[in-house]
Amino acid sequence: MAVPVVHSVPTIGFQITSDDGKSLFYTGDTGPGLSECWEMVSPQLLIIEVTASDYYQDFGGKSNHLTPGLLKEELMSFRKIRGYIPQVVTVHMSPELEVEIRDEITAVAKDLAVPITIAYENLELNL
């Protein structure tokens, strides 16, 4: 199922659902303000971009990319709308900011008491 997401150019994410009802939602490039999107999806796995560190949060908000702090806001919005936070995997990190992003995502995971996996090459996921 294609779902519009917030970005500087028209962009869609995809919810993929298996025959046994397991689903994932991949946002693709996106920024803050996903509440309408959360109304349409209910995945067990959320694959979402986090491009920059919180140092660049103003840039992220203006360019419609997420930072760890903006991710936290989106996950809290998801929980408010859906009543849970799915398994989360982050993608699309700027390589030069990877260390800061990792530390900030770890703090978000701790604050929300949910595991957040940072994607890596050859990562295998099971639902």
PDB file of N, CA and C in Angstrom:
ATOM      1  N   MET A   1       0.854  -1.164   0.000  1.00  0.00           N
ATOM      2  CA  MET A   1       0.000   0.000   0.000  1.00  0.00           C
ATOM      3  C   MET A   1       0.904   1.233   0.000  1.00  0.00           C
ATOM      4  N   ALA A   2       0.712   2.116  -0.946  1.00  0.00           N
ATOM      5  CA  ALA A   2       1.459   3.367  -1.025  1.00  0.00           C
ATOM      6  C   ALA A   2       0.798   4.409  -0.130  1.00  0.00           C
ATOM      7  N   VAL A   3       1.621   5.137   0.641  1.00  0.00           N
ATOM      8  CA  VAL A   3       1.120   6.139   1.581  1.00  0.00           C
ATOM      9  C   VAL A   3       1.960   7.417   1.421  1.00  0.00           C
ATOM     10  N   PRO A   4       1.320   8.565   1.183  1.00  0.00           N
ATOM     11  CA  PRO A   4       2.086   9.813   1.088  1.00  0.00           C
ATOM     12  C   PRO A   4       2.797  10.115   2.401  1.00  0.00           C
ATOM     13  N   VAL A   5       4.046  10.580   2.296  1.00  0.00           N
ATOM     14  CA  VAL A   5       4.804  11.013   3.465  1.00  0.00           C
ATOM     15  C   VAL A   5       5.291  12.434   3.235  1.00  0.00           C
ATOM     16  N   VAL A   6       5.658  13.109   4.311  1.00  0.00           N
ATOM     17  CA  VAL A   6       6.119  14.496   4.255  1.00  0.00           C
ATOM     18  C   VAL A   6       7.569  14.522   3.769  1.00  0.00           C
ATOM     19  N   HIS A   7       7.823  15.307   2.730  1.00  0.00           N
ATOM     20  CA  HIS A   7       9.187  15.511   2.235  1.00  0.00           C
ATOM     21  C   HIS A   7       9.199  16.752   1.372  1.00  0.00           C
ATOM     22  N   SER A   8      10.380  17.227   1.027  1.00  0.00           N
ATOM     23  CA  SER A   8      10.483  18.463   0.251  1.00  0.00           C
ATOM     24  C   SER A   8       9.987  18.302  -1.180  1.00  0.00           C
ATOM     25  N   VAL A   9       9.949  17.084  -1.668  1.00  0.00           N
ATOM     26  CA  VAL A   9       9.342  16.772  -2.966  1.00  0.00           C
ATOM     27  C   VAL A   9       8.302  15.687  -2.714  1.00  0.00           C
ATOM     28  N   PRO A  10       7.284  15.558  -3.552  1.00  0.00           N
ATOM     29  CA  PRO A  10       6.274  14.520  -3.313  1.00  0.00           C
ATOM     30  C   PRO A  10       6.926  13.136  -3.188  1.00  0.00           C
ATOM     31  N   THR A  11       6.597  12.464  -2.098  1.00  0.00           N
ATOM     32  CA  THR A  11       7.221  11.181  -1.786  1.00  0.00           C
ATOM     33  C   THR A  11       6.183  10.252  -1.162  1.00  0.00           C
ATOM     34  N   ILE A  12       6.374   8.964  -1.372  1.00  0.00           N
ATOM     35  CA  ILE A  12       5.488   7.988  -0.747  1.00  0.00           C
ATOM     36  C   ILE A  12       6.308   6.942   0.001  1.00  0.00           C
ATOM     37  N   GLY A  13       5.700   6.408   1.042  1.00  0.00           N
ATOM     38  CA  GLY A  13       6.229   5.256   1.740  1.00  0.00           C
ATOM     39  C   GLY A  13       5.381   4.059   1.357  1.00  0.00           C
ATOM     40  N   PHE A  14       5.817   2.880   1.779  1.00  0.00           N
ATOM     41  CA  PHE A  14       5.092   1.665   1.428  1.00  0.00           C
ATOM     42  C   PHE A  14       4.878   0.792   2.642  1.00  0.00           C
ATOM     43  N   GLN A  15       3.625   0.351   2.849  1.00  0.00           N
ATOM     44  CA  GLN A  15       3.351  -0.698   3.814  1.00  0.00           C
ATOM     45  C   GLN A  15       3.228  -1.984   3.023  1.00  0.00           C
ATOM     46  N   ILE A  16       3.993  -2.972   3.449  1.00  0.00           N
ATOM     47  CA  ILE A  16       3.978  -4.288   2.814  1.00  0.00           C
ATOM     48  C   ILE A  16       3.439  -5.271   3.838  1.00  0.00           C
ATOM     49  N   THR A  17       2.407  -6.008   3.448  1.00  0.00           N
ATOM     50  CA  THR A  17       1.753  -6.946   4.363  1.00  0.00           C
ATOM     51  C   THR A  17       1.787  -8.338   3.770  1.00  0.00           C
ATOM     52  N   SER A  18       2.216  -9.312   4.560  1.00  0.00           N
ATOM     53  CA  SER A  18       2.272 -10.701   4.106  1.00  0.00           C
ATOM     54  C   SER A  18       0.891 -11.345   4.218  1.00  0.00           C
ATOM     55  N   ASP A  19       0.756 -12.515   3.624  1.00  0.00           N
ATOM     56  CA  ASP A  19      -0.512 -13.234   3.674  1.00  0.00           C
ATOM     57  C   ASP A  19      -0.942 -13.564   5.099  1.00  0.00           C
ATOM     58  N   ASP A  20       0.037 -13.709   6.008  1.00  0.00           N
ATOM     59  CA  ASP A  20      -0.316 -14.035   7.401  1.00  0.00           C
ATOM     60  C   ASP A  20      -0.497 -12.785   8.268  1.00  0.00           C
ATOM     61  N   GLY A  21      -0.550 -11.597   7.630  1.00  0.00           N
ATOM     62  CA  GLY A  21      -0.874 -10.373   8.344  1.00  0.00           C
ATOM     63  C   GLY A  21       0.296  -9.608   8.923  1.00  0.00           C
ATOM     64  N   LYS A  22       1.511 -10.101   8.773  1.00  0.00           N
ATOM     65  CA  LYS A  22       2.674  -9.357   9.257  1.00  0.00           C
ATOM     66  C   LYS A  22       2.968  -8.226   8.279  1.00  0.00           C
ATOM     67  N   SER A  23       3.352  -7.064   8.829  1.00  0.00           N
ATOM     68  CA  SER A  23       3.575  -5.933   7.929  1.00  0.00           C
ATOM     69  C   SER A  23       4.748  -5.074   8.368  1.00  0.00           C
ATOM     70  N   LEU A  24       5.315  -4.401   7.379  1.00  0.00           N
ATOM     71  CA  LEU A  24       6.339  -3.402   7.627  1.00  0.00           C
ATOM     72  C   LEU A  24       5.957  -2.146   6.871  1.00  0.00           C
ATOM     73  N   PHE A  25       6.421  -1.019   7.376  1.00  0.00           N
ATOM     74  CA  PHE A  25       6.227   0.241   6.678  1.00  0.00           C
ATOM     75  C   PHE A  25       7.580   0.872   6.482  1.00  0.00           C
ATOM     76  N   TYR A  26       7.912   1.173   5.223  1.00  0.00           N
ATOM     77  CA  TYR A  26       9.150   1.848   4.867  1.00  0.00           C
ATOM     78  C   TYR A  26       8.793   3.259   4.443  1.00  0.00           C
ATOM     79  N   THR A  27       9.288   4.253   5.182  1.00  0.00           N
ATOM     80  CA  THR A  27       8.917   5.633   4.901  1.00  0.00           C
ATOM     81  C   THR A  27       9.603   6.204   3.672  1.00  0.00           C
ATOM     82  N   GLY A  28      10.791   5.697   3.324  1.00  0.00           N
ATOM     83  CA  GLY A  28      11.599   6.391   2.332  1.00  0.00           C
ATOM     84  C   GLY A  28      12.033   7.715   2.930  1.00  0.00           C
ATOM     85  N   ASP A  29      12.477   8.659   2.089  1.00  0.00           N
ATOM     86  CA  ASP A  29      12.842   9.986   2.587  1.00  0.00           C
ATOM     87  C   ASP A  29      11.610  10.651   3.179  1.00  0.00           C
ATOM     88  N   THR A  30      11.757  11.147   4.386  1.00  0.00           N
ATOM     89  CA  THR A  30      10.624  11.805   5.031  1.00  0.00           C
ATOM     90  C   THR A  30      11.115  12.782   6.079  1.00  0.00           C
ATOM     91  N   GLY A  31      10.215  13.628   6.490  1.00  0.00           N
ATOM     92  CA  GLY A  31      10.515  14.598   7.528  1.00  0.00           C
ATOM     93  C   GLY A  31       9.439  14.588   8.594  1.00  0.00           C
ATOM     94  N   PRO A  32       9.471  15.584   9.471  1.00  0.00           N
ATOM     95  CA  PRO A  32       8.496  15.642  10.564  1.00  0.00           C
ATOM     96  C   PRO A  32       7.086  15.946  10.062  1.00  0.00           C
ATOM     97  N   GLY A  33       6.098  15.485  10.849  1.00  0.00           N
ATOM     98  CA  GLY A  33       4.696  15.753  10.511  1.00  0.00           C
ATOM     99  C   GLY A  33       4.002  14.565   9.892  1.00  0.00           C
ATOM    100  N   LEU A  34       4.253  13.372  10.420  1.00  0.00           N
ATOM    101  CA  LEU A  34       3.733  12.141   9.822  1.00  0.00           C
ATOM    102  C   LEU A  34       2.414  11.654  10.415  1.00  0.00           C
ATOM    103  N   SER A  35       1.734  12.463  11.208  1.00  0.00           N
ATOM    104  CA  SER A  35       0.533  11.977  11.889  1.00  0.00           C
ATOM    105  C   SER A  35      -0.526  11.455  10.912  1.00  0.00           C
ATOM    106  N   GLU A  36      -0.725  12.100   9.781  1.00  0.00           N
ATOM    107  CA  GLU A  36      -1.699  11.593   8.801  1.00  0.00           C
ATOM    108  C   GLU A  36      -1.272  10.236   8.264  1.00  0.00           C
ATOM    109  N   CYS A  37       0.006  10.076   8.073  1.00  0.00           N
ATOM    110  CA  CYS A  37       0.547   8.789   7.620  1.00  0.00           C
ATOM    111  C   CYS A  37       0.276   7.707   8.667  1.00  0.00           C
ATOM    112  N   TRP A  38       0.519   8.031   9.944  1.00  0.00           N
ATOM    113  CA  TRP A  38       0.316   7.047  11.018  1.00  0.00           C
ATOM    114  C   TRP A  38      -1.140   6.585  11.098  1.00  0.00           C
ATOM    115  N   GLU A  39      -2.063   7.416  10.668  1.00  0.00           N
ATOM    116  CA  GLU A  39      -3.475   7.031  10.653  1.00  0.00           C
ATOM    117  C   GLU A  39      -3.746   5.897   9.654  1.00  0.00           C
ATOM    118  N   MET A  40      -2.879   5.757   8.641  1.00  0.00           N
ATOM    119  CA  MET A  40      -3.119   4.801   7.553  1.00  0.00           C
ATOM    120  C   MET A  40      -2.350   3.497   7.679  1.00  0.00           C
ATOM    121  N   VAL A  41      -1.358   3.434   8.561  1.00  0.00           N
ATOM    122  CA  VAL A  41      -0.513   2.246   8.646  1.00  0.00           C
ATOM    123  C   VAL A  41      -0.547   1.660  10.048  1.00  0.00           C
ATOM    124  N   SER A  42      -0.252   0.377  10.140  1.00  0.00           N
ATOM    125  CA  SER A  42      -0.167  -0.281  11.448  1.00  0.00           C
ATOM    126  C   SER A  42       0.825  -1.441  11.364  1.00  0.00           C
ATOM    127  N   PRO A  43       2.092  -1.122  11.150  1.00  0.00           N
ATOM    128  CA  PRO A  43       3.094  -2.163  10.944  1.00  0.00           C
ATOM    129  C   PRO A  43       3.647  -2.760  12.243  1.00  0.00           C
ATOM    130  N   GLN A  44       4.209  -3.953  12.102  1.00  0.00           N
ATOM    131  CA  GLN A  44       4.993  -4.527  13.192  1.00  0.00           C
ATOM    132  C   GLN A  44       6.431  -4.013  13.123  1.00  0.00           C
ATOM    133  N   LEU A  45       6.851  -3.560  11.934  1.00  0.00           N
ATOM    134  CA  LEU A  45       8.203  -3.050  11.720  1.00  0.00           C
ATOM    135  C   LEU A  45       8.127  -1.728  10.978  1.00  0.00           C
ATOM    136  N   LEU A  46       8.823  -0.727  11.485  1.00  0.00           N
ATOM    137  CA  LEU A  46       8.901   0.584  10.857  1.00  0.00           C
ATOM    138  C   LEU A  46      10.346   0.816  10.440  1.00  0.00           C
ATOM    139  N   ILE A  47      10.563   1.001   9.142  1.00  0.00           N
ATOM    140  CA  ILE A  47      11.889   1.343   8.622  1.00  0.00           C
ATOM    141  C   ILE A  47      11.811   2.812   8.232  1.00  0.00           C
ATOM    142  N   ILE A  48      12.595   3.646   8.927  1.00  0.00           N
ATOM    143  CA  ILE A  48      12.441   5.096   8.813  1.00  0.00           C
ATOM    144  C   ILE A  48      13.803   5.770   8.712  1.00  0.00           C
ATOM    145  N   GLU A  49      13.856   6.835   7.944  1.00  0.00           N
ATOM    146  CA  GLU A  49      15.122   7.543   7.757  1.00  0.00           C
ATOM    147  C   GLU A  49      15.436   8.468   8.920  1.00  0.00           C
ATOM    148  N   VAL A  50      16.719   8.558   9.235  1.00  0.00           N
ATOM    149  CA  VAL A  50      17.251   9.554  10.169  1.00  0.00           C
ATOM    150  C   VAL A  50      18.543  10.043   9.523  1.00  0.00           C
ATOM    151  N   THR A  51      18.479  11.214   8.917  1.00  0.00           N
ATOM    152  CA  THR A  51      19.569  11.685   8.071  1.00  0.00           C
ATOM    153  C   THR A  51      20.680  12.402   8.825  1.00  0.00           C
ATOM    154  N   ALA A  52      20.328  13.251   9.781  1.00  0.00           N
ATOM    155  CA  ALA A  52      21.319  14.115  10.423  1.00  0.00           C
ATOM    156  C   ALA A  52      21.211  14.044  11.934  1.00  0.00           C
ATOM    157  N   SER A  53      22.228  14.576  12.602  1.00  0.00           N
ATOM    158  CA  SER A  53      22.205  14.616  14.068  1.00  0.00           C
ATOM    159  C   SER A  53      21.307  15.771  14.531  1.00  0.00           C
ATOM    160  N   ASP A  54      21.015  15.773  15.810  1.00  0.00           N
ATOM    161  CA  ASP A  54      20.156  16.825  16.367  1.00  0.00           C
ATOM    162  C   ASP A  54      20.776  18.215  16.242  1.00  0.00           C
ATOM    163  N   TYR A  55      22.075  18.293  16.074  1.00  0.00           N
ATOM    164  CA  TYR A  55      22.723  19.572  15.842  1.00  0.00           C
ATOM    165  C   TYR A  55      22.117  20.256  14.613  1.00  0.00           C
ATOM    166  N   TYR A  56      21.652  19.463  13.675  1.00  0.00           N
ATOM    167  CA  TYR A  56      21.072  19.968  12.429  1.00  0.00           C
ATOM    168  C   TYR A  56      19.547  19.892  12.423  1.00  0.00           C
ATOM    169  N   GLN A  57      18.924  19.907  13.593  1.00  0.00           N
ATOM    170  CA  GLN A  57      17.470  19.744  13.678  1.00  0.00           C
ATOM    171  C   GLN A  57      16.727  20.830  12.899  1.00  0.00           C
ATOM    172  N   ASP A  58      17.185  22.067  12.951  1.00  0.00           N
ATOM    173  CA  ASP A  58      16.531  23.123  12.165  1.00  0.00           C
ATOM    174  C   ASP A  58      16.609  22.807  10.675  1.00  0.00           C
ATOM    175  N   PHE A  59      17.781  22.375  10.220  1.00  0.00           N
ATOM    176  CA  PHE A  59      17.951  21.974   8.821  1.00  0.00           C
ATOM    177  C   PHE A  59      17.031  20.809   8.494  1.00  0.00           C
ATOM    178  N   GLY A  60      16.985  19.815   9.388  1.00  0.00           N
ATOM    179  CA  GLY A  60      16.139  18.643   9.154  1.00  0.00           C
ATOM    180  C   GLY A  60      14.683  19.028   9.007  1.00  0.00           C
ATOM    181  N   GLY A  61      14.208  19.905   9.882  1.00  0.00           N
ATOM    182  CA  GLY A  61      12.817  20.340   9.806  1.00  0.00           C
ATOM    183  C   GLY A  61      12.517  21.092   8.531  1.00  0.00           C
ATOM    184  N   LYS A  62      13.448  21.937   8.105  1.00  0.00           N
ATOM    185  CA  LYS A  62      13.237  22.725   6.888  1.00  0.00           C
ATOM    186  C   LYS A  62      13.375  21.894   5.617  1.00  0.00           C
ATOM    187  N   SER A  63      14.279  20.918   5.620  1.00  0.00           N
ATOM    188  CA  SER A  63      14.509  20.113   4.417  1.00  0.00           C
ATOM    189  C   SER A  63      13.676  18.833   4.410  1.00  0.00           C
ATOM    190  N   ASN A  64      12.871  18.650   5.462  1.00  0.00           N
ATOM    191  CA  ASN A  64      12.026  17.463   5.600  1.00  0.00           C
ATOM    192  C   ASN A  64      12.830  16.169   5.617  1.00  0.00           C
ATOM    193  N   HIS A  65      13.790  16.139   6.529  1.00  0.00           N
ATOM    194  CA  HIS A  65      14.527  14.930   6.887  1.00  0.00           C
ATOM    195  C   HIS A  65      14.481  14.826   8.401  1.00  0.00           C
ATOM    196  N   LEU A  66      14.638  13.626   8.913  1.00  0.00           N
ATOM    197  CA  LEU A  66      14.557  13.436  10.361  1.00  0.00           C
ATOM    198  C   LEU A  66      15.929  13.436  11.014  1.00  0.00           C
ATOM    199  N   THR A  67      15.942  13.895  12.251  1.00  0.00           N
ATOM    200  CA  THR A  67      17.063  13.776  13.167  1.00  0.00           C
ATOM    201  C   THR A  67      16.580  12.862  14.291  1.00  0.00           C
ATOM    202  N   PRO A  68      17.449  12.392  15.168  1.00  0.00           N
ATOM    203  CA  PRO A  68      16.970  11.566  16.271  1.00  0.00           C
ATOM    204  C   PRO A  68      15.888  12.243  17.114  1.00  0.00           C
ATOM    205  N   GLY A  69      16.034  13.530  17.397  1.00  0.00           N
ATOM    206  CA  GLY A  69      15.004  14.234  18.170  1.00  0.00           C
ATOM    207  C   GLY A  69      13.679  14.297  17.437  1.00  0.00           C
ATOM    208  N   LEU A  70      13.727  14.535  16.140  1.00  0.00           N
ATOM    209  CA  LEU A  70      12.491  14.549  15.346  1.00  0.00           C
ATOM    210  C   LEU A  70      11.909  13.142  15.245  1.00  0.00           C
ATOM    211  N   LEU A  71      12.777  12.123  15.164  1.00  0.00           N
ATOM    212  CA  LEU A  71      12.301  10.734  15.183  1.00  0.00           C
ATOM    213  C   LEU A  71      11.545  10.468  16.477  1.00  0.00           C
ATOM    214  N   LYS A  72      12.093  10.923  17.589  1.00  0.00           N
ATOM    215  CA  LYS A  72      11.432  10.719  18.884  1.00  0.00           C
ATOM    216  C   LYS A  72      10.024  11.309  18.858  1.00  0.00           C
ATOM    217  N   GLU A  73       9.889  12.534  18.343  1.00  0.00           N
ATOM    218  CA  GLU A  73       8.568  13.161  18.251  1.00  0.00           C
ATOM    219  C   GLU A  73       7.625  12.336  17.379  1.00  0.00           C
ATOM    220  N   GLU A  74       8.129  11.816  16.271  1.00  0.00           N
ATOM    221  CA  GLU A  74       7.288  11.012  15.372  1.00  0.00           C
ATOM    222  C   GLU A  74       6.880   9.695  16.021  1.00  0.00           C
ATOM    223  N   LEU A  75       7.786   9.076  16.762  1.00  0.00           N
ATOM    224  CA  LEU A  75       7.437   7.821  17.441  1.00  0.00           C
ATOM    225  C   LEU A  75       6.426   8.067  18.556  1.00  0.00           C
ATOM    226  N   MET A  76       6.546   9.189  19.246  1.00  0.00           N
ATOM    227  CA  MET A  76       5.551   9.528  20.271  1.00  0.00           C
ATOM    228  C   MET A  76       4.196   9.788  19.620  1.00  0.00           C
ATOM    229  N   SER A  77       4.192  10.411  18.460  1.00  0.00           N
ATOM    230  CA  SER A  77       2.950  10.632  17.711  1.00  0.00           C
ATOM    231  C   SER A  77       2.353   9.299  17.276  1.00  0.00           C
ATOM    232  N   PHE A  78       3.197   8.396  16.796  1.00  0.00           N
ATOM    233  CA  PHE A  78       2.725   7.072  16.393  1.00  0.00           C
ATOM    234  C   PHE A  78       2.059   6.375  17.577  1.00  0.00           C
ATOM    235  N   ARG A  79       2.732   6.409  18.730  1.00  0.00           N
ATOM    236  CA  ARG A  79       2.186   5.741  19.924  1.00  0.00           C
ATOM    237  C   ARG A  79       0.859   6.364  20.344  1.00  0.00           C
ATOM    238  N   LYS A  80       0.759   7.684  20.258  1.00  0.00           N
ATOM    239  CA  LYS A  80      -0.491   8.358  20.618  1.00  0.00           C
ATOM    240  C   LYS A  80      -1.629   7.930  19.690  1.00  0.00           C
ATOM    241  N   ILE A  81      -1.350   7.810  18.410  1.00  0.00           N
ATOM    242  CA  ILE A  81      -2.374   7.464  17.422  1.00  0.00           C
ATOM    243  C   ILE A  81      -2.681   5.968  17.425  1.00  0.00           C
ATOM    244  N   ARG A  82      -1.652   5.137  17.496  1.00  0.00           N
ATOM    245  CA  ARG A  82      -1.813   3.685  17.344  1.00  0.00           C
ATOM    246  C   ARG A  82      -1.788   2.904  18.659  1.00  0.00           C
ATOM    247  N   GLY A  83      -1.279   3.501  19.725  1.00  0.00           N
ATOM    248  CA  GLY A  83      -1.249   2.811  21.013  1.00  0.00           C
ATOM    249  C   GLY A  83      -0.039   1.936  21.234  1.00  0.00           C
ATOM    250  N   TYR A  84       0.912   1.953  20.323  1.00  0.00           N
ATOM    251  CA  TYR A  84       2.141   1.164  20.463  1.00  0.00           C
ATOM    252  C   TYR A  84       3.214   1.790  19.582  1.00  0.00           C
ATOM    253  N   ILE A  85       4.434   1.359  19.780  1.00  0.00           N
ATOM    254  CA  ILE A  85       5.519   1.709  18.863  1.00  0.00           C
ATOM    255  C   ILE A  85       6.018   0.399  18.282  1.00  0.00           C
ATOM    256  N   PRO A  86       6.056   0.277  16.965  1.00  0.00           N
ATOM    257  CA  PRO A  86       6.527  -0.970  16.367  1.00  0.00           C
ATOM    258  C   PRO A  86       8.037  -1.118  16.513  1.00  0.00           C
ATOM    259  N   GLN A  87       8.542  -2.266  16.130  1.00  0.00           N
ATOM    260  CA  GLN A  87       9.987  -2.449  16.007  1.00  0.00           C
ATOM    261  C   GLN A  87      10.484  -1.375  15.035  1.00  0.00           C
ATOM    262  N   VAL A  88      11.592  -0.711  15.364  1.00  0.00           N
ATOM    263  CA  VAL A  88      12.085   0.410  14.556  1.00  0.00           C
ATOM    264  C   VAL A  88      13.493   0.111  14.045  1.00  0.00           C
ATOM    265  N   VAL A  89      13.677   0.367  12.753  1.00  0.00           N
ATOM    266  CA  VAL A  89      14.994   0.296  12.126  1.00  0.00           C
ATOM    267  C   VAL A  89      15.217   1.626  11.415  1.00  0.00           C
ATOM    268  N   THR A  90      16.359   2.268  11.686  1.00  0.00           N
ATOM    269  CA  THR A  90      16.656   3.541  11.033  1.00  0.00           C
ATOM    270  C   THR A  90      17.624   3.343   9.876  1.00  0.00           C
ATOM    271  N   VAL A  91      17.439   4.139   8.833  1.00  0.00           N
ATOM    272  CA  VAL A  91      18.264   4.087   7.627  1.00  0.00           C
ATOM    273  C   VAL A  91      18.595   5.515   7.190  1.00  0.00           C
ATOM    274  N   HIS A  92      19.494   5.652   6.200  1.00  0.00           N
ATOM    275  CA  HIS A  92      19.737   6.909   5.489  1.00  0.00           C
ATOM    276  C   HIS A  92      20.578   7.900   6.276  1.00  0.00           C
ATOM    277  N   MET A  93      21.504   7.439   7.112  1.00  0.00           N
ATOM    278  CA  MET A  93      22.348   8.341   7.891  1.00  0.00           C
ATOM    279  C   MET A  93      23.414   8.985   7.015  1.00  0.00           C
ATOM    280  N   SER A  94      23.690  10.247   7.287  1.00  0.00           N
ATOM    281  CA  SER A  94      24.831  10.914   6.653  1.00  0.00           C
ATOM    282  C   SER A  94      26.097  10.307   7.254  1.00  0.00           C
ATOM    283  N   PRO A  95      26.957   9.721   6.436  1.00  0.00           N
ATOM    284  CA  PRO A  95      28.136   9.019   6.969  1.00  0.00           C
ATOM    285  C   PRO A  95      29.015   9.870   7.880  1.00  0.00           C
ATOM    286  N   GLU A  96      29.176  11.152   7.572  1.00  0.00           N
ATOM    287  CA  GLU A  96      30.051  12.000   8.375  1.00  0.00           C
ATOM    288  C   GLU A  96      29.455  12.328   9.740  1.00  0.00           C
ATOM    289  N   LEU A  97      28.168  12.032   9.950  1.00  0.00           N
ATOM    290  CA  LEU A  97      27.500  12.310  11.226  1.00  0.00           C
ATOM    291  C   LEU A  97      27.126  11.027  11.972  1.00  0.00           C
ATOM    292  N   GLU A  98      27.597   9.897  11.490  1.00  0.00           N
ATOM    293  CA  GLU A  98      27.155   8.600  12.011  1.00  0.00           C
ATOM    294  C   GLU A  98      27.386   8.438  13.515  1.00  0.00           C
ATOM    295  N   VAL A  99      28.531   8.853  14.026  1.00  0.00           N
ATOM    296  CA  VAL A  99      28.819   8.667  15.455  1.00  0.00           C
ATOM    297  C   VAL A  99      27.809   9.437  16.307  1.00  0.00           C
ATOM    298  N   GLU A 100      27.569  10.708  15.964  1.00  0.00           N
ATOM    299  CA  GLU A 100      26.616  11.518  16.722  1.00  0.00           C
ATOM    300  C   GLU A 100      25.202  10.955  16.611  1.00  0.00           C
ATOM    301  N   ILE A 101      24.822  10.557  15.402  1.00  0.00           N
ATOM    302  CA  ILE A 101      23.471  10.016  15.192  1.00  0.00           C
ATOM    303  C   ILE A 101      23.272   8.752  16.022  1.00  0.00           C
ATOM    304  N   ARG A 102      24.250   7.867  16.021  1.00  0.00           N
ATOM    305  CA  ARG A 102      24.150   6.629  16.807  1.00  0.00           C
ATOM    306  C   ARG A 102      23.931   6.933  18.287  1.00  0.00           C
ATOM    307  N   ASP A 103      24.726   7.848  18.826  1.00  0.00           N
ATOM    308  CA  ASP A 103      24.590   8.200  20.242  1.00  0.00           C
ATOM    309  C   ASP A 103      23.207   8.789  20.531  1.00  0.00           C
ATOM    310  N   GLU A 104      22.730   9.643  19.656  1.00  0.00           N
ATOM    311  CA  GLU A 104      21.434  10.283  19.859  1.00  0.00           C
ATOM    312  C   GLU A 104      20.284   9.283  19.713  1.00  0.00           C
ATOM    313  N   ILE A 105      20.386   8.348  18.782  1.00  0.00           N
ATOM    314  CA  ILE A 105      19.353   7.318  18.625  1.00  0.00           C
ATOM    315  C   ILE A 105      19.333   6.416  19.855  1.00  0.00           C
ATOM    316  N   THR A 106      20.489   6.106  20.392  1.00  0.00           N
ATOM    317  CA  THR A 106      20.553   5.305  21.622  1.00  0.00           C
ATOM    318  C   THR A 106      19.819   6.015  22.752  1.00  0.00           C
ATOM    319  N   ALA A 107      19.985   7.326  22.858  1.00  0.00           N
ATOM    320  CA  ALA A 107      19.284   8.101  23.894  1.00  0.00           C
ATOM    321  C   ALA A 107      17.773   8.104  23.655  1.00  0.00           C
ATOM    322  N   VAL A 108      17.341   8.212  22.407  1.00  0.00           N
ATOM    323  CA  VAL A 108      15.906   8.174  22.082  1.00  0.00           C
ATOM    324  C   VAL A 108      15.323   6.827  22.473  1.00  0.00           C
ATOM    325  N   ALA A 109      16.011   5.760  22.130  1.00  0.00           N
ATOM    326  CA  ALA A 109      15.539   4.415  22.474  1.00  0.00           C
ATOM    327  C   ALA A 109      15.384   4.269  23.989  1.00  0.00           C
ATOM    328  N   LYS A 110      16.336   4.791  24.724  1.00  0.00           N
ATOM    329  CA  LYS A 110      16.272   4.722  26.188  1.00  0.00           C
ATOM    330  C   LYS A 110      15.108   5.559  26.717  1.00  0.00           C
ATOM    331  N   ASP A 111      14.953   6.789  26.212  1.00  0.00           N
ATOM    332  CA  ASP A 111      13.869   7.668  26.662  1.00  0.00           C
ATOM    333  C   ASP A 111      12.494   7.064  26.413  1.00  0.00           C
ATOM    334  N   LEU A 112      12.320   6.409  25.263  1.00  0.00           N
ATOM    335  CA  LEU A 112      11.020   5.829  24.902  1.00  0.00           C
ATOM    336  C   LEU A 112      10.864   4.376  25.367  1.00  0.00           C
ATOM    337  N   ALA A 113      11.944   3.803  25.902  1.00  0.00           N
ATOM    338  CA  ALA A 113      11.951   2.405  26.350  1.00  0.00           C
ATOM    339  C   ALA A 113      11.550   1.454  25.226  1.00  0.00           C
ATOM    340  N   VAL A 114      12.101   1.709  24.036  1.00  0.00           N
ATOM    341  CA  VAL A 114      11.877   0.829  22.882  1.00  0.00           C
ATOM    342  C   VAL A 114      13.208   0.580  22.197  1.00  0.00           C
ATOM    343  N   PRO A 115      13.402  -0.629  21.691  1.00  0.00           N
ATOM    344  CA  PRO A 115      14.638  -0.871  20.942  1.00  0.00           C
ATOM    345  C   PRO A 115      14.568  -0.193  19.574  1.00  0.00           C
ATOM    346  N   ILE A 116      15.664   0.425  19.171  1.00  0.00           N
ATOM    347  CA  ILE A 116      15.783   1.009  17.835  1.00  0.00           C
ATOM    348  C   ILE A 116      17.069   0.457  17.240  1.00  0.00           C
ATOM    349  N   THR A 117      16.958  -0.179  16.097  1.00  0.00           N
ATOM    350  CA  THR A 117      18.103  -0.754  15.404  1.00  0.00           C
ATOM    351  C   THR A 117      18.561   0.200  14.320  1.00  0.00           C
ATOM    352  N   ILE A 118      19.846   0.434  14.256  1.00  0.00           N
ATOM    353  CA  ILE A 118      20.410   1.211  13.161  1.00  0.00           C
ATOM    354  C   ILE A 118      20.819   0.210  12.086  1.00  0.00           C
ATOM    355  N   ALA A 119      20.262   0.376  10.894  1.00  0.00           N
ATOM    356  CA  ALA A 119      20.501  -0.578   9.816  1.00  0.00           C
ATOM    357  C   ALA A 119      21.980  -0.632   9.454  1.00  0.00           C
ATOM    358  N   TYR A 120      22.377  -1.794   8.984  1.00  0.00           N
ATOM    359  CA  TYR A 120      23.741  -2.007   8.516  1.00  0.00           C
ATOM    360  C   TYR A 120      23.698  -3.016   7.381  1.00  0.00           C
ATOM    361  N   GLU A 121      24.757  -3.056   6.628  1.00  0.00           N
ATOM    362  CA  GLU A 121      24.816  -3.970   5.484  1.00  0.00           C
ATOM    363  C   GLU A 121      24.604  -5.407   5.938  1.00  0.00           C
ATOM    364  N   ASN A 122      23.794  -6.140   5.202  1.00  0.00           N
ATOM    365  CA  ASN A 122      23.466  -7.546   5.448  1.00  0.00           C
ATOM    366  C   ASN A 122      22.587  -7.771   6.683  1.00  0.00           C
ATOM    367  N   LEU A 123      21.952  -6.730   7.192  1.00  0.00           N
ATOM    368  CA  LEU A 123      21.014  -6.871   8.316  1.00  0.00           C
ATOM    369  C   LEU A 123      19.857  -7.757   7.872  1.00  0.00           C
ATOM    370  N   GLU A 124      19.525  -8.734   8.661  1.00  0.00           N
ATOM    371  CA  GLU A 124      18.363  -9.588   8.407  1.00  0.00           C
ATOM    372  C   GLU A 124      17.333  -9.330   9.489  1.00  0.00           C
ATOM    373  N   LEU A 125      16.085  -9.169   9.065  1.00  0.00           N
ATOM    374  CA  LEU A 125      15.008  -8.877   9.995  1.00  0.00           C
ATOM    375  C   LEU A 125      13.947  -9.971   9.910  1.00  0.00           C
ATOM    376  N   ASN A 126      13.403 -10.337  11.048  1.00  0.00           N
ATOM    377  CA  ASN A 126      12.332 -11.339  11.106  1.00  0.00           C
ATOM    378  C   ASN A 126      11.156 -10.747  11.847  1.00  0.00           C
ATOM    379  N   LEU A 127       9.958 -10.971  11.307  1.00  0.00           N
ATOM    380  CA  LEU A 127       8.744 -10.537  11.975  1.00  0.00           C
ATOM    381  C   LEU A 127       8.021 -11.749  12.530  1.00  0.00           C
TER     382      LEU A 127
END
